[in-house]
ModelCIF file with pLDDT and N, C-alpha, C, O atoms, coordinates in Angstrom:
data_MODEL
#
_entry.id   MODEL 
#
_entity.id                         1 
_entity.type                       polymer 
_entity.pdbx_number_of_molecules   1 
#
_entity_poly.entity_id                      1 
_entity_poly.type                           'polypeptide(L)' 
_entity_poly.nstd_linkage                   no 
_entity_poly.nstd_monomer                   no 
_entity_poly.pdbx_seq_one_letter_code       EAKRLSIMATNVLNLTKIENQTILTDVTQFNLSEQVRKCV 
_entity_poly.pdbx_seq_one_letter_code_can   EAKRLSIMATNVLNLTKIENQTILTDVTQFNLSEQVRKCV 
_entity_poly.pdbx_strand_id                 A 
#
loop_
_entity_poly_seq.entity_id 
_entity_poly_seq.num 
_entity_poly_seq.mon_id 
_entity_poly_seq.hetero 
1 1  GLU n 
1 2  ALA n 
1 3  LYS n 
1 4  ARG n 
1 5  LEU n 
1 6  SER n 
1 7  ILE n 
1 8  MET n 
1 9  ALA n 
1 10 THR n 
1 11 ASN n 
1 12 VAL n 
1 13 LEU n 
1 14 ASN n 
1 15 LEU n 
1 16 THR n 
1 17 LYS n 
1 18 ILE n 
1 19 GLU n 
1 20 ASN n 
1 21 GLN n 
1 22 THR n 
1 23 ILE n 
1 24 LEU n 
1 25 THR n 
1 26 ASP n 
1 27 VAL n 
1 28 THR n 
1 29 GLN n 
1 30 PHE n 
1 31 ASN n 
1 32 LEU n 
1 33 SER n 
1 34 GLU n 
1 35 GLN n 
1 36 VAL n 
1 37 ARG n 
1 38 LYS n 
1 39 CYS n 
1 40 VAL n 
#
_struct_asym.id          A 
_struct_asym.entity_id   1 
#
loop_
_ma_qa_metric.id 
_ma_qa_metric.mode 
_ma_qa_metric.name 
_ma_qa_metric.software_group_id 
_ma_qa_metric.type 
1 global pLDDT . pLDDT 
2 local  pLDDT . pLDDT 
#
_ma_qa_metric_global.metric_id      1 
_ma_qa_metric_global.metric_value   80.00 
_ma_qa_metric_global.model_id       1 
_ma_qa_metric_global.ordinal_id     1 
#
loop_
_ma_qa_metric_local.label_asym_id 
_ma_qa_metric_local.label_comp_id 
_ma_qa_metric_local.label_seq_id 
_ma_qa_metric_local.metric_id 
_ma_qa_metric_local.metric_value 
_ma_qa_metric_local.model_id 
_ma_qa_metric_local.ordinal_id 
A GLU 1  2 61.00 1 1  
A ALA 2  2 68.00 1 2  
A LYS 3  2 63.00 1 3  
A ARG 4  2 56.00 1 4  
A LEU 5  2 63.00 1 5  
A SER 6  2 62.00 1 6  
A ILE 7  2 62.00 1 7  
A MET 8  2 60.00 1 8  
A ALA 9  2 62.00 1 9  
A THR 10 2 66.00 1 10 
A ASN 11 2 64.00 1 11 
A VAL 12 2 66.00 1 12 
A LEU 13 2 68.00 1 13 
A ASN 14 2 68.00 1 14 
A LEU 15 2 71.00 1 15 
A THR 16 2 71.00 1 16 
A LYS 17 2 75.00 1 17 
A ILE 18 2 77.00 1 18 
A GLU 19 2 76.00 1 19 
A ASN 20 2 75.00 1 20 
A GLN 21 2 81.00 1 21 
A THR 22 2 80.00 1 22 
A ILE 23 2 86.00 1 23 
A LEU 24 2 88.00 1 24 
A THR 25 2 88.00 1 25 
A ASP 26 2 91.00 1 26 
A VAL 27 2 94.00 1 27 
A THR 28 2 96.00 1 28 
A GLN 29 2 96.00 1 29 
A PHE 30 2 97.00 1 30 
A ASN 31 2 97.00 1 31 
A LEU 32 2 98.00 1 32 
A SER 33 2 97.00 1 33 
A GLU 34 2 98.00 1 34 
A GLN 35 2 97.00 1 35 
A VAL 36 2 97.00 1 36 
A ARG 37 2 97.00 1 37 
A LYS 38 2 96.00 1 38 
A CYS 39 2 96.00 1 39 
A VAL 40 2 96.00 1 40 
#
loop_
_atom_site.group_PDB 
_atom_site.id 
_atom_site.type_symbol 
_atom_site.label_atom_id 
_atom_site.label_alt_id 
_atom_site.label_comp_id 
_atom_site.label_asym_id 
_atom_site.label_entity_id 
_atom_site.label_seq_id 
_atom_site.pdbx_PDB_ins_code 
_atom_site.Cartn_x 
_atom_site.Cartn_y 
_atom_site.Cartn_z 
_atom_site.occupancy 
_atom_site.B_iso_or_equiv 
_atom_site.pdbx_formal_charge 
_atom_site.auth_seq_id 
_atom_site.auth_comp_id 
_atom_site.auth_asym_id 
_atom_site.auth_atom_id 
_atom_site.pdbx_PDB_model_num 
ATOM 1   N N  . GLU A 1 1  ? 122.201 -1.440 402.526 1.00 61.00 ? 1  GLU A N  1 
ATOM 2   C CA . GLU A 1 1  ? 120.988 -1.794 401.788 1.00 61.00 ? 1  GLU A CA 1 
ATOM 3   C C  . GLU A 1 1  ? 119.819 -2.030 402.747 1.00 61.00 ? 1  GLU A C  1 
ATOM 4   O O  . GLU A 1 1  ? 118.696 -1.604 402.476 1.00 61.00 ? 1  GLU A O  1 
ATOM 5   N N  . ALA A 1 2  ? 120.081 -2.702 403.858 1.00 68.00 ? 2  ALA A N  1 
ATOM 6   C CA . ALA A 1 2  ? 119.027 -2.945 404.850 1.00 68.00 ? 2  ALA A CA 1 
ATOM 7   C C  . ALA A 1 2  ? 118.484 -1.620 405.394 1.00 68.00 ? 2  ALA A C  1 
ATOM 8   O O  . ALA A 1 2  ? 117.279 -1.464 405.592 1.00 68.00 ? 2  ALA A O  1 
ATOM 9   N N  . LYS A 1 3  ? 119.399 -0.667 405.633 1.00 63.00 ? 3  LYS A N  1 
ATOM 10  C CA . LYS A 1 3  ? 118.995 0.648  406.140 1.00 63.00 ? 3  LYS A CA 1 
ATOM 11  C C  . LYS A 1 3  ? 118.141 1.377  405.114 1.00 63.00 ? 3  LYS A C  1 
ATOM 12  O O  . LYS A 1 3  ? 117.127 1.988  405.453 1.00 63.00 ? 3  LYS A O  1 
ATOM 13  N N  . ARG A 1 4  ? 118.567 1.303  403.847 1.00 56.00 ? 4  ARG A N  1 
ATOM 14  C CA . ARG A 1 4  ? 117.834 2.004  402.785 1.00 56.00 ? 4  ARG A CA 1 
ATOM 15  C C  . ARG A 1 4  ? 116.435 1.417  402.621 1.00 56.00 ? 4  ARG A C  1 
ATOM 16  O O  . ARG A 1 4  ? 115.459 2.153  402.480 1.00 56.00 ? 4  ARG A O  1 
ATOM 17  N N  . LEU A 1 5  ? 116.345 0.084  402.640 1.00 63.00 ? 5  LEU A N  1 
ATOM 18  C CA . LEU A 1 5  ? 115.047 -0.563 402.483 1.00 63.00 ? 5  LEU A CA 1 
ATOM 19  C C  . LEU A 1 5  ? 114.145 -0.299 403.686 1.00 63.00 ? 5  LEU A C  1 
ATOM 20  O O  . LEU A 1 5  ? 112.927 -0.196 403.541 1.00 63.00 ? 5  LEU A O  1 
ATOM 21  N N  . SER A 1 6  ? 114.739 -0.192 404.867 1.00 62.00 ? 6  SER A N  1 
ATOM 22  C CA . SER A 1 6  ? 113.968 0.122  406.065 1.00 62.00 ? 6  SER A CA 1 
ATOM 23  C C  . SER A 1 6  ? 113.365 1.516  405.965 1.00 62.00 ? 6  SER A C  1 
ATOM 24  O O  . SER A 1 6  ? 112.206 1.732  406.321 1.00 62.00 ? 6  SER A O  1 
ATOM 25  N N  . ILE A 1 7  ? 114.173 2.467  405.470 1.00 62.00 ? 7  ILE A N  1 
ATOM 26  C CA . ILE A 1 7  ? 113.681 3.842  405.283 1.00 62.00 ? 7  ILE A CA 1 
ATOM 27  C C  . ILE A 1 7  ? 112.553 3.860  404.264 1.00 62.00 ? 7  ILE A C  1 
ATOM 28  O O  . ILE A 1 7  ? 111.550 4.551  404.441 1.00 62.00 ? 7  ILE A O  1 
ATOM 29  N N  . MET A 1 8  ? 112.731 3.094  403.196 1.00 60.00 ? 8  MET A N  1 
ATOM 30  C CA . MET A 1 8  ? 111.699 3.048  402.162 1.00 60.00 ? 8  MET A CA 1 
ATOM 31  C C  . MET A 1 8  ? 110.389 2.499  402.715 1.00 60.00 ? 8  MET A C  1 
ATOM 32  O O  . MET A 1 8  ? 109.318 3.042  402.447 1.00 60.00 ? 8  MET A O  1 
ATOM 33  N N  . ALA A 1 9  ? 110.483 1.400  403.503 1.00 62.00 ? 9  ALA A N  1 
ATOM 34  C CA . ALA A 1 9  ? 109.278 0.809  404.096 1.00 62.00 ? 9  ALA A CA 1 
ATOM 35  C C  . ALA A 1 9  ? 108.570 1.816  405.000 1.00 62.00 ? 9  ALA A C  1 
ATOM 36  O O  . ALA A 1 9  ? 107.344 1.924  404.984 1.00 62.00 ? 9  ALA A O  1 
ATOM 37  N N  . THR A 1 10 ? 109.357 2.553  405.788 1.00 66.00 ? 10 THR A N  1 
ATOM 38  C CA . THR A 1 10 ? 108.790 3.574  406.665 1.00 66.00 ? 10 THR A CA 1 
ATOM 39  C C  . THR A 1 10 ? 108.087 4.653  405.857 1.00 66.00 ? 10 THR A C  1 
ATOM 40  O O  . THR A 1 10 ? 106.996 5.096  406.219 1.00 66.00 ? 10 THR A O  1 
ATOM 41  N N  . ASN A 1 11 ? 108.714 5.080  404.757 1.00 64.00 ? 11 ASN A N  1 
ATOM 42  C CA . ASN A 1 11 ? 108.112 6.108  403.901 1.00 64.00 ? 11 ASN A CA 1 
ATOM 43  C C  . ASN A 1 11 ? 106.813 5.628  403.262 1.00 64.00 ? 11 ASN A C  1 
ATOM 44  O O  . ASN A 1 11 ? 105.848 6.386  403.162 1.00 64.00 ? 11 ASN A O  1 
ATOM 45  N N  . VAL A 1 12 ? 106.792 4.366  402.829 1.00 66.00 ? 12 VAL A N  1 
ATOM 46  C CA . VAL A 1 12 ? 105.572 3.813  402.237 1.00 66.00 ? 12 VAL A CA 1 
ATOM 47  C C  . VAL A 1 12 ? 104.445 3.806  403.269 1.00 66.00 ? 12 VAL A C  1 
ATOM 48  O O  . VAL A 1 12 ? 103.307 4.158  402.959 1.00 66.00 ? 12 VAL A O  1 
ATOM 49  N N  . LEU A 1 13 ? 104.774 3.401  404.505 1.00 68.00 ? 13 LEU A N  1 
ATOM 50  C CA . LEU A 1 13 ? 103.763 3.390  405.568 1.00 68.00 ? 13 LEU A CA 1 
ATOM 51  C C  . LEU A 1 13 ? 103.291 4.804  405.896 1.00 68.00 ? 13 LEU A C  1 
ATOM 52  O O  . LEU A 1 13 ? 102.099 5.033  406.105 1.00 68.00 ? 13 LEU A O  1 
ATOM 53  N N  . ASN A 1 14 ? 104.232 5.754  405.939 1.00 68.00 ? 14 ASN A N  1 
ATOM 54  C CA . ASN A 1 14 ? 103.864 7.153  406.189 1.00 68.00 ? 14 ASN A CA 1 
ATOM 55  C C  . ASN A 1 14 ? 102.929 7.675  405.111 1.00 68.00 ? 14 ASN A C  1 
ATOM 56  O O  . ASN A 1 14 ? 101.932 8.334  405.403 1.00 68.00 ? 14 ASN A O  1 
ATOM 57  N N  . LEU A 1 15 ? 103.265 7.370  403.850 1.00 71.00 ? 15 LEU A N  1 
ATOM 58  C CA . LEU A 1 15 ? 102.441 7.837  402.738 1.00 71.00 ? 15 LEU A CA 1 
ATOM 59  C C  . LEU A 1 15 ? 101.058 7.203  402.790 1.00 71.00 ? 15 LEU A C  1 
ATOM 60  O O  . LEU A 1 15 ? 100.049 7.879  402.589 1.00 71.00 ? 15 LEU A O  1 
ATOM 61  N N  . THR A 1 16 ? 101.016 5.904  403.060 1.00 71.00 ? 16 THR A N  1 
ATOM 62  C CA . THR A 1 16 ? 99.721  5.203  403.151 1.00 71.00 ? 16 THR A CA 1 
ATOM 63  C C  . THR A 1 16 ? 98.852  5.816  404.248 1.00 71.00 ? 16 THR A C  1 
ATOM 64  O O  . THR A 1 16 ? 97.646  5.995  404.079 1.00 71.00 ? 16 THR A O  1 
ATOM 65  N N  . LYS A 1 17 ? 99.487  6.132  405.367 1.00 75.00 ? 17 LYS A N  1 
ATOM 66  C CA . LYS A 1 17 ? 98.762  6.721  406.497 1.00 75.00 ? 17 LYS A CA 1 
ATOM 67  C C  . LYS A 1 17 ? 98.167  8.078  406.134 1.00 75.00 ? 17 LYS A C  1 
ATOM 68  O O  . LYS A 1 17 ? 96.992  8.331  406.398 1.00 75.00 ? 17 LYS A O  1 
ATOM 69  N N  . ILE A 1 18 ? 98.974  8.953  405.529 1.00 77.00 ? 18 ILE A N  1 
ATOM 70  C CA . ILE A 1 18 ? 98.458  10.296 405.227 1.00 77.00 ? 18 ILE A CA 1 
ATOM 71  C C  . ILE A 1 18 ? 97.516  10.291 404.030 1.00 77.00 ? 18 ILE A C  1 
ATOM 72  O O  . ILE A 1 18 ? 96.652  11.160 403.914 1.00 77.00 ? 18 ILE A O  1 
ATOM 73  N N  . GLU A 1 19 ? 97.680  9.308  403.135 1.00 76.00 ? 19 GLU A N  1 
ATOM 74  C CA . GLU A 1 19 ? 96.739  9.200  402.010 1.00 76.00 ? 19 GLU A CA 1 
ATOM 75  C C  . GLU A 1 19 ? 95.352  8.840  402.506 1.00 76.00 ? 19 GLU A C  1 
ATOM 76  O O  . GLU A 1 19 ? 94.350  9.223  401.901 1.00 76.00 ? 19 GLU A O  1 
ATOM 77  N N  . ASN A 1 20 ? 95.293  8.104  403.605 1.00 75.00 ? 20 ASN A N  1 
ATOM 78  C CA . ASN A 1 20 ? 93.996  7.681  404.155 1.00 75.00 ? 20 ASN A CA 1 
ATOM 79  C C  . ASN A 1 20 ? 93.348  8.750  405.027 1.00 75.00 ? 20 ASN A C  1 
ATOM 80  O O  . ASN A 1 20 ? 92.195  8.604  405.434 1.00 75.00 ? 20 ASN A O  1 
ATOM 81  N N  . GLN A 1 21 ? 94.080  9.824  405.315 1.00 81.00 ? 21 GLN A N  1 
ATOM 82  C CA . GLN A 1 21 ? 93.508  10.920 406.103 1.00 81.00 ? 21 GLN A CA 1 
ATOM 83  C C  . GLN A 1 21 ? 92.706  11.851 405.208 1.00 81.00 ? 21 GLN A C  1 
ATOM 84  O O  . GLN A 1 21 ? 93.128  12.189 404.102 1.00 81.00 ? 21 GLN A O  1 
ATOM 85  N N  . THR A 1 22 ? 91.558  12.255 405.696 1.00 80.00 ? 22 THR A N  1 
ATOM 86  C CA . THR A 1 22 ? 90.726  13.178 404.927 1.00 80.00 ? 22 THR A CA 1 
ATOM 87  C C  . THR A 1 22 ? 90.680  14.564 405.559 1.00 80.00 ? 22 THR A C  1 
ATOM 88  O O  . THR A 1 22 ? 90.387  15.553 404.887 1.00 80.00 ? 22 THR A O  1 
ATOM 89  N N  . ILE A 1 23 ? 90.970  14.627 406.852 1.00 86.00 ? 23 ILE A N  1 
ATOM 90  C CA . ILE A 1 23 ? 90.997  15.931 407.523 1.00 86.00 ? 23 ILE A CA 1 
ATOM 91  C C  . ILE A 1 23 ? 92.305  16.076 408.285 1.00 86.00 ? 23 ILE A C  1 
ATOM 92  O O  . ILE A 1 23 ? 92.931  15.089 408.670 1.00 86.00 ? 23 ILE A O  1 
ATOM 93  N N  . LEU A 1 24 ? 92.703  17.323 408.495 1.00 88.00 ? 24 LEU A N  1 
ATOM 94  C CA . LEU A 1 24 ? 93.948  17.608 409.207 1.00 88.00 ? 24 LEU A CA 1 
ATOM 95  C C  . LEU A 1 24 ? 93.693  17.562 410.712 1.00 88.00 ? 24 LEU A C  1 
ATOM 96  O O  . LEU A 1 24 ? 92.772  18.204 411.217 1.00 88.00 ? 24 LEU A O  1 
ATOM 97  N N  . THR A 1 25 ? 94.521  16.795 411.419 1.00 88.00 ? 25 THR A N  1 
ATOM 98  C CA . THR A 1 25 ? 94.370  16.670 412.868 1.00 88.00 ? 25 THR A CA 1 
ATOM 99  C C  . THR A 1 25 ? 95.607  17.238 413.569 1.00 88.00 ? 25 THR A C  1 
ATOM 100 O O  . THR A 1 25 ? 96.607  17.566 412.931 1.00 88.00 ? 25 THR A O  1 
ATOM 101 N N  . ASP A 1 26 ? 95.512  17.346 414.901 1.00 91.00 ? 26 ASP A N  1 
ATOM 102 C CA . ASP A 1 26 ? 96.628  17.802 415.739 1.00 91.00 ? 26 ASP A CA 1 
ATOM 103 C C  . ASP A 1 26 ? 97.225  19.128 415.257 1.00 91.00 ? 26 ASP A C  1 
ATOM 104 O O  . ASP A 1 26 ? 98.443  19.270 415.148 1.00 91.00 ? 26 ASP A O  1 
ATOM 105 N N  . VAL A 1 27 ? 96.357  20.084 414.975 1.00 94.00 ? 27 VAL A N  1 
ATOM 106 C CA . VAL A 1 27 ? 96.814  21.399 414.500 1.00 94.00 ? 27 VAL A CA 1 
ATOM 107 C C  . VAL A 1 27 ? 97.225  22.272 415.690 1.00 94.00 ? 27 VAL A C  1 
ATOM 108 O O  . VAL A 1 27 ? 96.454  22.456 416.632 1.00 94.00 ? 27 VAL A O  1 
ATOM 109 N N  . THR A 1 28 ? 98.439  22.801 415.632 1.00 96.00 ? 28 THR A N  1 
ATOM 110 C CA . THR A 1 28 ? 98.933  23.714 416.672 1.00 96.00 ? 28 THR A CA 1 
ATOM 111 C C  . THR A 1 28 ? 99.623  24.895 416.000 1.00 96.00 ? 28 THR A C  1 
ATOM 112 O O  . THR A 1 28 ? 99.938  24.855 414.811 1.00 96.00 ? 28 THR A O  1 
ATOM 113 N N  . GLN A 1 29 ? 99.852  25.943 416.779 1.00 96.00 ? 29 GLN A N  1 
ATOM 114 C CA . GLN A 1 29 ? 100.615 27.097 416.304 1.00 96.00 ? 29 GLN A CA 1 
ATOM 115 C C  . GLN A 1 29 ? 102.064 26.886 416.745 1.00 96.00 ? 29 GLN A C  1 
ATOM 116 O O  . GLN A 1 29 ? 102.325 26.667 417.928 1.00 96.00 ? 29 GLN A O  1 
ATOM 117 N N  . PHE A 1 30 ? 102.994 26.951 415.811 1.00 97.00 ? 30 PHE A N  1 
ATOM 118 C CA . PHE A 1 30 ? 104.399 26.720 416.178 1.00 97.00 ? 30 PHE A CA 1 
ATOM 119 C C  . PHE A 1 30 ? 105.339 27.574 415.325 1.00 97.00 ? 30 PHE A C  1 
ATOM 120 O O  . PHE A 1 30 ? 104.932 28.169 414.327 1.00 97.00 ? 30 PHE A O  1 
ATOM 121 N N  . ASN A 1 31 ? 106.595 27.616 415.742 1.00 97.00 ? 31 ASN A N  1 
ATOM 122 C CA . ASN A 1 31 ? 107.613 28.412 415.063 1.00 97.00 ? 31 ASN A CA 1 
ATOM 123 C C  . ASN A 1 31 ? 108.115 27.659 413.835 1.00 97.00 ? 31 ASN A C  1 
ATOM 124 O O  . ASN A 1 31 ? 108.916 26.731 413.949 1.00 97.00 ? 31 ASN A O  1 
ATOM 125 N N  . LEU A 1 32 ? 107.644 28.060 412.676 1.00 98.00 ? 32 LEU A N  1 
ATOM 126 C CA . LEU A 1 32 ? 108.012 27.419 411.417 1.00 98.00 ? 32 LEU A CA 1 
ATOM 127 C C  . LEU A 1 32 ? 109.494 27.599 411.109 1.00 98.00 ? 32 LEU A C  1 
ATOM 128 O O  . LEU A 1 32 ? 110.148 26.668 410.640 1.00 98.00 ? 32 LEU A O  1 
ATOM 129 N N  . SER A 1 33 ? 110.020 28.780 411.367 1.00 97.00 ? 33 SER A N  1 
ATOM 130 C CA . SER A 1 33 ? 111.428 29.070 411.081 1.00 97.00 ? 33 SER A CA 1 
ATOM 131 C C  . SER A 1 33 ? 112.347 28.157 411.876 1.00 97.00 ? 33 SER A C  1 
ATOM 132 O O  . SER A 1 33 ? 113.330 27.639 411.346 1.00 97.00 ? 33 SER A O  1 
ATOM 133 N N  . GLU A 1 34 ? 112.024 27.960 413.150 1.00 98.00 ? 34 GLU A N  1 
ATOM 134 C CA . GLU A 1 34 ? 112.824 27.087 413.998 1.00 98.00 ? 34 GLU A CA 1 
ATOM 135 C C  . GLU A 1 34 ? 112.740 25.644 413.499 1.00 98.00 ? 34 GLU A C  1 
ATOM 136 O O  . GLU A 1 34 ? 113.738 24.924 413.506 1.00 98.00 ? 34 GLU A O  1 
ATOM 137 N N  . GLN A 1 35 ? 111.559 25.226 413.068 1.00 97.00 ? 35 GLN A N  1 
ATOM 138 C CA . GLN A 1 35 ? 111.391 23.871 412.558 1.00 97.00 ? 35 GLN A CA 1 
ATOM 139 C C  . GLN A 1 35 ? 112.250 23.632 411.306 1.00 97.00 ? 35 GLN A C  1 
ATOM 140 O O  . GLN A 1 35 ? 112.894 22.590 411.180 1.00 97.00 ? 35 GLN A O  1 
ATOM 141 N N  . VAL A 1 36 ? 112.254 24.586 410.400 1.00 97.00 ? 36 VAL A N  1 
ATOM 142 C CA . VAL A 1 36 ? 113.047 24.453 409.173 1.00 97.00 ? 36 VAL A CA 1 
ATOM 143 C C  . VAL A 1 36 ? 114.536 24.389 409.492 1.00 97.00 ? 36 VAL A C  1 
ATOM 144 O O  . VAL A 1 36 ? 115.265 23.586 408.910 1.00 97.00 ? 36 VAL A O  1 
ATOM 145 N N  . ARG A 1 37 ? 114.991 25.240 410.423 1.00 97.00 ? 37 ARG A N  1 
ATOM 146 C CA . ARG A 1 37 ? 116.412 25.209 410.803 1.00 97.00 ? 37 ARG A CA 1 
ATOM 147 C C  . ARG A 1 37 ? 116.804 23.849 411.399 1.00 97.00 ? 37 ARG A C  1 
ATOM 148 O O  . ARG A 1 37 ? 117.882 23.328 411.113 1.00 97.00 ? 37 ARG A O  1 
ATOM 149 N N  . LYS A 1 38 ? 115.918 23.282 412.228 1.00 96.00 ? 38 LYS A N  1 
ATOM 150 C CA . LYS A 1 38 ? 116.195 21.979 412.824 1.00 96.00 ? 38 LYS A CA 1 
ATOM 151 C C  . LYS A 1 38 ? 116.264 20.886 411.759 1.00 96.00 ? 38 LYS A C  1 
ATOM 152 O O  . LYS A 1 38 ? 117.080 19.970 411.857 1.00 96.00 ? 38 LYS A O  1 
ATOM 153 N N  . CYS A 1 39 ? 115.410 20.983 410.746 1.00 96.00 ? 39 CYS A N  1 
ATOM 154 C CA . CYS A 1 39 ? 115.413 19.994 409.666 1.00 96.00 ? 39 CYS A CA 1 
ATOM 155 C C  . CYS A 1 39 ? 116.724 20.056 408.871 1.00 96.00 ? 39 CYS A C  1 
ATOM 156 O O  . CYS A 1 39 ? 117.241 19.026 408.437 1.00 96.00 ? 39 CYS A O  1 
ATOM 157 N N  . VAL A 1 40 ? 117.251 21.255 408.685 1.00 96.00 ? 40 VAL A N  1 
ATOM 158 C CA . VAL A 1 40 ? 118.543 21.404 408.013 1.00 96.00 ? 40 VAL A CA 1 
ATOM 159 C C  . VAL A 1 40 ? 119.636 20.732 408.840 1.00 96.00 ? 40 VAL A C  1 
ATOM 160 O O  . VAL A 1 40 ? 120.803 20.744 408.448 1.00 96.00 ? 40 VAL A O  1 
#
């Protein structure tokens, strides 16, 4: 339960952070296919 609530708190903070962003920053060109495979 502590782990689950910790993940939730992190997600809420992540969402709050990106909701407050108005422009996209740190844009780079990268291998999308490799990123998706790593996420799997």
